[in-house]
């Protein structure tokens, strides 16, 4: 079957269809976010039962149709099984999946977003994980991957290179040096430590994102930026958020 496409991916959502089938939303490297039908995946003993669970991650073989794909095979390398027993981690992961889905489209390359999501879920399951910090880092990097995060290297007013502390003026206004920021209304001053971590979070290597040294004062600064950036999502209702907020203190 020469038309079958093999791609790395992760199951974002899964829903029953008919008596035995499943409808999946799959995030892939090269195809972006796609709809996939897994025929017979709900039959007892079907080989695809585990591979079609949310967050199953690996290589998928897909047959393209007019409006969706059909699953032809899967080789899963990570099932993230501990999510089944950790309700709070599962709530965070569901929100991450929904945000990743919001910012991806079919036929738009999504390698970085897929890697970001994978690393975020992995980070949630570490015994020492501060899940609120994982959320903040994930959100900030997701905004950057979507092209919505402002430049963190130069003052949005005078163009001067930013070093040390800076003012965050807002999602559409960017960052300003201390001299320019002090003259602008609504800016929030972030100290050098916050700016260092923030810059690494939105421009650094994904492999180190969830191992950045985030102290409580730095976390407070990241929280301020993330809350303001979330205004970009005001028109979108995320189904996972009420569950997350009921289980946790919102960061």
Protein backbone atom coordinates (compact mmCIF):
# COMPACT_ATOMS: atom_id res chain seq x y z
CA UNK A 1 0.00 0.00 0.00
CA UNK A 2 2.16 2.79 -1.35
CA UNK A 3 -0.28 5.48 -0.22
CA UNK A 4 0.23 4.70 3.46
CA UNK A 5 2.10 7.49 5.29
CA UNK A 6 4.35 6.78 8.26
CA UNK A 7 4.77 9.60 10.75
CA UNK A 8 5.77 10.26 14.34
CA UNK A 9 2.88 11.46 16.46
CA UNK A 10 0.90 11.53 19.67
CA UNK A 11 -2.79 10.91 20.31
CA UNK A 12 -4.33 14.13 21.61
CA UNK A 13 -7.93 12.96 21.94
CA UNK A 14 -9.89 9.75 21.35
CA UNK A 15 -13.65 9.25 21.12
CA UNK A 16 -15.87 6.26 20.35
CA UNK A 17 -17.48 6.01 16.92
CA UNK A 18 -20.16 3.46 16.18
CA UNK A 19 -19.99 0.16 17.98
CA UNK A 20 -16.33 -0.74 17.69
CA UNK A 21 -14.37 2.16 16.17
CA UNK A 22 -12.54 5.24 17.46
CA UNK A 23 -12.03 8.73 16.16
CA UNK A 24 -8.62 10.13 17.04
CA UNK A 25 -7.08 13.55 16.90
CA UNK A 26 -3.42 12.94 16.22
CA UNK A 27 -0.59 15.48 16.38
CA UNK A 28 2.16 14.54 13.94
CA UNK A 29 5.50 15.92 12.85
CA UNK A 30 4.86 16.43 9.14
CA UNK A 31 1.07 16.28 8.75
CA UNK A 32 0.24 18.57 11.66
CA UNK A 33 -3.01 17.91 13.54
CA UNK A 34 -5.13 15.32 11.76
CA UNK A 35 -8.29 13.28 12.29
CA UNK A 36 -7.76 9.53 12.19
CA UNK A 37 -10.30 6.69 12.31
CA UNK A 38 -9.20 3.47 13.99
CA UNK A 39 -11.55 0.75 12.78
CA UNK A 40 -12.23 -1.97 15.34
CA UNK A 41 -10.06 -0.33 18.01
CA UNK A 42 -12.75 -0.86 20.67
CA UNK A 43 -13.15 -4.58 20.04
CA UNK A 44 -12.01 -6.74 22.92
CA UNK A 45 -8.44 -7.81 22.31
CA UNK A 46 -7.89 -5.51 19.34
CA UNK A 47 -4.20 -4.78 18.81
CA UNK A 48 -4.87 -1.04 18.61
CA UNK A 49 -6.67 -0.64 21.93
CA UNK A 50 -3.61 0.68 23.76
CA UNK A 51 -2.20 2.55 20.77
CA UNK A 52 -5.36 4.66 20.49
CA UNK A 53 -5.39 5.90 24.09
CA UNK A 54 -4.75 9.62 24.71
CA UNK A 55 -1.02 10.50 24.90
CA UNK A 56 0.12 7.26 23.24
CA UNK A 57 3.23 8.39 21.38
CA UNK A 58 5.25 6.73 18.66
CA UNK A 59 5.09 5.99 14.95
CA UNK A 60 1.74 5.75 13.17
CA UNK A 61 0.90 4.39 9.71
CA UNK A 62 -1.97 6.33 8.15
CA UNK A 63 -3.97 5.86 4.97
CA UNK A 64 -5.22 9.21 3.61
CA UNK A 65 -8.88 9.71 2.74
CA UNK A 66 -10.84 12.71 1.51
CA UNK A 67 -11.41 14.35 4.93
CA UNK A 68 -9.53 12.11 7.37
CA UNK A 69 -7.02 9.31 7.68
CA UNK A 70 -7.46 5.65 8.56
CA UNK A 71 -5.09 3.96 10.99
CA UNK A 72 -3.16 1.12 9.37
CA UNK A 73 -0.61 0.45 12.09
CA UNK A 74 1.18 1.88 15.11
CA UNK A 75 4.43 1.31 16.97
CA UNK A 76 4.13 3.03 20.34
CA UNK A 77 7.24 3.91 22.31
CA UNK A 78 5.55 5.67 25.25
CA UNK A 79 2.06 5.26 26.69
CA UNK A 80 2.50 7.57 29.72
CA UNK A 81 0.61 5.01 31.81
CA UNK A 82 1.19 6.85 35.15
CA UNK A 83 -1.32 9.48 33.95
CA UNK A 84 -4.05 6.89 34.57
CA UNK A 85 -3.30 6.99 38.30
CA UNK A 86 -2.42 10.68 38.73
CA UNK A 87 -5.58 12.74 38.28
CA UNK A 88 -3.83 16.08 38.68
CA UNK A 89 -1.11 15.25 36.14
CA UNK A 90 -3.79 13.98 33.76
CA UNK A 91 -5.69 17.27 34.08
CA UNK A 92 -2.58 19.28 33.25
CA UNK A 93 -1.75 16.97 30.33
CA UNK A 94 -5.28 17.30 28.94
CA UNK A 95 -4.98 21.08 29.03
CA UNK A 96 -1.60 20.89 27.30
CA UNK A 97 -3.09 18.67 24.58
CA UNK A 98 -5.98 21.08 24.08
CA UNK A 99 -3.64 24.06 23.80
CA UNK A 100 -1.43 22.17 21.34
CA UNK A 101 -4.52 21.32 19.30
CA UNK A 102 -5.60 24.97 19.28
CA UNK A 103 -2.28 26.12 17.84
CA UNK A 104 -1.80 23.44 15.18
CA UNK A 105 -3.46 22.77 11.84
CA UNK A 106 -3.55 20.02 9.24
CA UNK A 107 -0.69 20.07 6.72
CA UNK A 108 1.34 22.51 8.81
CA UNK A 109 4.57 21.06 10.20
CA UNK A 110 4.31 20.55 13.97
CA UNK A 111 7.57 18.88 14.99
CA UNK A 112 8.46 21.43 17.66
CA UNK A 113 4.96 21.49 19.17
CA UNK A 114 4.90 17.68 19.27
CA UNK A 115 8.29 17.61 21.00
CA UNK A 116 7.16 20.32 23.41
CA UNK A 117 4.02 18.38 24.34
CA UNK A 118 5.94 15.13 24.78
CA UNK A 119 8.54 16.76 27.06
CA UNK A 120 5.85 18.56 29.07
CA UNK A 121 3.92 15.35 29.80
CA UNK A 122 7.18 13.63 30.65
CA UNK A 123 8.06 16.49 33.04
CA UNK A 124 4.66 16.28 34.78
CA UNK A 125 5.36 12.69 35.78
CA UNK A 126 8.70 13.32 37.47
CA UNK A 127 8.42 12.76 41.25
CA UNK A 128 10.00 16.15 41.97
CA UNK A 129 7.92 18.06 39.43
CA UNK A 130 6.26 21.35 40.33
CA UNK A 131 3.30 20.99 37.98
CA UNK A 132 2.39 24.68 38.07
CA UNK A 133 5.90 25.55 36.88
CA UNK A 134 5.63 22.96 34.12
CA UNK A 135 2.38 24.62 33.04
CA UNK A 136 3.93 28.09 32.98
CA UNK A 137 6.92 26.96 30.94
CA UNK A 138 4.70 25.02 28.55
CA UNK A 139 2.35 27.96 27.98
CA UNK A 140 5.15 30.46 27.43
CA UNK A 141 6.94 28.21 24.95
CA UNK A 142 3.68 27.37 23.19
CA UNK A 143 3.01 31.07 22.64
CA UNK A 144 6.53 31.39 21.23
CA UNK A 145 6.11 28.39 18.91
CA UNK A 146 2.84 29.89 17.68
CA UNK A 147 4.62 33.16 16.85
CA UNK A 148 2.63 35.14 19.41
CA UNK A 149 5.31 35.82 22.01
CA UNK A 150 6.99 39.24 21.70
CA UNK A 151 10.70 39.72 21.16
CA UNK A 152 12.65 39.27 24.40
CA UNK A 153 15.99 40.48 23.04
CA UNK A 154 15.36 44.14 22.17
CA UNK A 155 13.37 47.04 23.58
CA UNK A 156 10.11 47.44 21.69
CA UNK A 157 10.37 51.24 22.06
CA UNK A 158 13.97 52.24 21.36
CA UNK A 159 15.39 49.03 19.92
CA UNK A 160 18.15 48.79 22.52
CA UNK A 161 19.35 45.29 23.36
CA UNK A 162 17.72 44.02 26.55
CA UNK A 163 19.99 42.96 29.37
CA UNK A 164 19.18 42.75 33.03
CA UNK A 165 15.72 43.83 34.09
CA UNK A 166 12.96 44.84 31.67
CA UNK A 167 9.32 45.89 31.59
CA UNK A 168 6.69 43.62 30.10
CA UNK A 169 4.20 45.92 28.39
CA UNK A 170 1.76 43.26 27.18
CA UNK A 171 1.22 40.65 24.43
CA UNK A 172 0.93 43.17 21.63
CA UNK A 173 3.37 45.69 23.04
CA UNK A 174 6.43 43.62 23.92
CA UNK A 175 9.27 44.27 26.36
CA UNK A 176 10.97 47.56 27.09
CA UNK A 177 14.23 48.60 28.68
CA UNK A 178 13.96 50.21 32.14
CA UNK A 179 14.19 53.75 30.76
CA UNK A 180 11.46 53.31 28.15
CA UNK A 181 9.30 51.02 30.24
CA UNK A 182 9.10 53.42 33.15
CA UNK A 183 7.41 55.94 30.86
CA UNK A 184 4.76 53.48 29.62
CA UNK A 185 1.47 52.77 31.36
CA UNK A 186 0.61 49.22 32.35
CA UNK A 187 4.12 47.81 32.24
CA UNK A 188 5.34 45.27 34.80
CA UNK A 189 8.99 45.37 35.83
CA UNK A 190 10.69 41.96 35.73
CA UNK A 191 14.08 41.58 37.35
CA UNK A 192 17.16 40.13 35.66
CA UNK A 193 16.64 36.62 37.04
CA UNK A 194 13.12 36.43 35.62
CA UNK A 195 14.24 37.76 32.25
CA UNK A 196 17.09 35.25 32.07
CA UNK A 197 14.77 32.29 32.61
CA UNK A 198 12.05 33.77 30.40
CA UNK A 199 14.49 34.26 27.54
CA UNK A 200 15.70 30.67 27.88
CA UNK A 201 12.12 29.41 28.05
CA UNK A 202 10.96 31.01 24.81
CA UNK A 203 14.15 30.87 22.72
CA UNK A 204 16.34 28.13 24.22
CA UNK A 205 16.61 24.43 23.45
CA UNK A 206 13.47 22.41 24.12
CA UNK A 207 15.57 19.68 25.70
CA UNK A 208 16.40 21.88 28.70
CA UNK A 209 13.08 23.77 28.99
CA UNK A 210 11.65 21.79 31.89
CA UNK A 211 14.97 21.69 33.73
CA UNK A 212 15.42 25.45 33.96
CA UNK A 213 16.16 26.73 37.49
CA UNK A 214 12.84 28.31 38.50
CA UNK A 215 12.88 29.74 42.03
CA UNK A 216 9.69 31.01 43.68
CA UNK A 217 10.47 34.68 42.84
CA UNK A 218 11.16 33.71 39.22
CA UNK A 219 7.97 31.64 39.16
CA UNK A 220 6.00 34.71 40.28
CA UNK A 221 7.44 36.70 37.39
CA UNK A 222 6.68 33.97 34.85
CA UNK A 223 3.15 33.74 36.24
CA UNK A 224 2.64 37.47 35.63
CA UNK A 225 3.75 37.16 32.01
CA UNK A 226 1.74 33.99 31.38
CA UNK A 227 -1.45 35.49 32.79
CA UNK A 228 -1.15 38.48 30.47
CA UNK A 229 -0.34 36.29 27.49
CA UNK A 230 -3.45 34.19 28.16
CA UNK A 231 -5.55 37.19 27.17
CA UNK A 232 -4.88 36.04 23.61
CA UNK A 233 -7.04 33.00 24.38
CA UNK A 234 -10.01 34.85 25.85
CA UNK A 235 -12.37 33.92 23.03
CA UNK A 236 -11.51 30.24 23.32
CA UNK A 237 -13.19 27.96 25.86
CA UNK A 238 -10.95 25.07 26.86
CA UNK A 239 -12.98 22.13 28.12
CA UNK A 240 -10.07 20.90 30.23
CA UNK A 241 -9.62 24.13 32.20
CA UNK A 242 -12.58 23.79 34.61
CA UNK A 243 -11.32 20.36 35.62
CA UNK A 244 -7.77 21.62 36.05
CA UNK A 245 -8.86 24.63 38.08
CA UNK A 246 -11.05 22.46 40.30
CA UNK A 247 -8.09 20.25 41.14
CA UNK A 248 -5.37 22.88 41.50
CA UNK A 249 -4.67 26.45 42.42
CA UNK A 250 -4.52 28.27 39.11
CA UNK A 251 -0.98 29.64 38.50
